[in-house]
């Protein structure tokens, strides 16, 4: 093959795929959204922050909303499936994951998206439905399995149980402003989660 043919073949193949592109883009999405909110969030800003070409983003994501959804789904506070065999253990693990997840950038951004959706319901309403659906499905499975095992009556209000747990967790994250060490924090999170779940199940 001549040098000219080799150059032509390389041109047709294009640049090699960047295996770290999605991770860099998702990091950039969270950083840009946290700093600028929906109004200042653009694909161009993400491309600059992630050091990728704009064309690469436009080829993969049809809109900035789709990109935000993908980034939050990839870094979701409920990323790990939970099935420990009983309702109390599952709800405690759910609470711990939420506590730790909402303190991270992805969790904080998801809260900001929820607030922005109240201002821009026509733009962000469907995005929040998409995000909430996947999270609610994961959480509802915990309660539905407990009902099948006989730990909860079939008449139990699934939504109310989950609201009591997730609402208390969210309030705790927003108002506690915890800045202690990771090891101590993990222990405190579990102690708090256990006391919260016991109170919820006692009420149920």
Foldseek 3Di string as FASTA:
>chain_A
DDPVVVVVVDVVVDDDDDPCQLVLLLVLQLVQCVVPNPVRDDLVSSCVSSVHDSVVVVVVDVGNLRSLLVSLQVLPLPVDQFDPPALLVRQLVVLLSLLVSLLDSSNVSLVSLVVVCVVVVVPRVVSNVVNVVVVVVRQLVSVVVNCVVVVDPPPDDSVVLVCQRNVVSVVCNVPVPDDDDPVVVSVVSSVVSSVSSVVSSVVD
